[in-house]
Amino acid sequence: MRVLKLKEVLHRTSLGRTSLYMLIKNASFPKPIPLGLRAVGWLESEVETWIQSKIAIRDQSIN
């Protein structure tokens, strides 16, 4: 199990910081895990699942 920091999550999802936190607020993206006083991270598996769900939605709309 790997924990991704914000910079890596933004890179993998191609989202901006504001968009990412808006999706989290709307429960449309996995919540971060507190790592310290001012640090958070996301489980790599949850981020990958979110990306795969977006691909599945895209593929359903094509058919």
Protein backbone atom coordinates (compact mmCIF):
# COMPACT_ATOMS: atom_id res chain seq x y z
CA MET A 1 0.00 0.00 0.00
CA ARG A 2 1.47 3.33 -1.10
CA VAL A 3 0.46 6.82 -0.01
CA LEU A 4 0.60 9.59 -2.60
CA LYS A 5 1.30 13.21 -1.74
CA LEU A 6 -0.71 16.07 -3.27
CA LYS A 7 1.74 16.79 -6.09
CA GLU A 8 1.59 13.16 -7.31
CA VAL A 9 -2.23 13.06 -7.07
CA LEU A 10 -2.49 16.26 -9.11
CA HIS A 11 -0.09 14.83 -11.68
CA ARG A 12 -1.89 11.48 -12.00
CA THR A 13 -5.37 12.99 -12.23
CA SER A 14 -4.47 16.11 -14.25
CA LEU A 15 -6.64 18.09 -11.84
CA GLY A 16 -5.79 21.42 -10.29
CA ARG A 17 -5.65 21.84 -6.53
CA THR A 18 -8.95 23.75 -6.35
CA SER A 19 -10.76 21.19 -8.51
CA LEU A 20 -9.40 18.32 -6.45
CA TYR A 21 -10.55 19.79 -3.16
CA MET A 22 -13.96 20.64 -4.64
CA LEU A 23 -14.40 17.00 -5.69
CA ILE A 24 -13.40 15.89 -2.18
CA LYS A 25 -15.92 18.32 -0.67
CA ASN A 26 -18.65 16.89 -2.94
CA ALA A 27 -17.63 13.32 -2.01
CA SER A 28 -16.64 12.68 -5.63
CA PHE A 29 -12.99 11.93 -4.85
CA PRO A 30 -11.41 9.91 -2.02
CA LYS A 31 -10.71 11.82 1.18
CA PRO A 32 -7.08 12.41 2.11
CA ILE A 33 -5.39 10.69 5.03
CA PRO A 34 -3.82 13.00 7.62
CA LEU A 35 -0.09 12.30 7.80
CA GLY A 36 0.96 15.03 10.18
CA LEU A 37 0.07 18.53 11.29
CA ARG A 38 0.20 19.98 7.78
CA ALA A 39 0.55 16.95 5.52
CA VAL A 40 -2.01 14.70 3.88
CA GLY A 41 -1.83 11.84 1.44
CA TRP A 42 -4.09 9.57 -0.58
CA LEU A 43 -4.01 5.83 -0.94
CA GLU A 44 -2.67 5.01 -4.39
CA SER A 45 -5.28 2.27 -4.80
CA GLU A 46 -8.15 4.70 -4.16
CA VAL A 47 -6.78 7.23 -6.64
CA GLU A 48 -6.34 4.51 -9.26
CA THR A 49 -9.88 3.24 -8.63
CA TRP A 50 -11.20 6.80 -9.15
CA ILE A 51 -9.29 7.09 -12.44
CA GLN A 52 -10.57 3.69 -13.61
CA SER A 53 -14.15 4.73 -12.79
CA LYS A 54 -13.75 7.80 -15.02
CA ILE A 55 -12.50 5.57 -17.84
CA ALA A 56 -15.49 3.24 -17.35
CA ILE A 57 -17.92 6.17 -17.51
CA ARG A 58 -16.27 7.34 -20.71
CA ASP A 59 -16.46 3.88 -22.24
CA GLN A 60 -20.15 3.49 -21.33
CA SER A 61 -21.03 6.77 -23.03
CA ILE A 62 -19.30 5.65 -26.23
CA ASN A 63 -21.44 2.53 -26.54
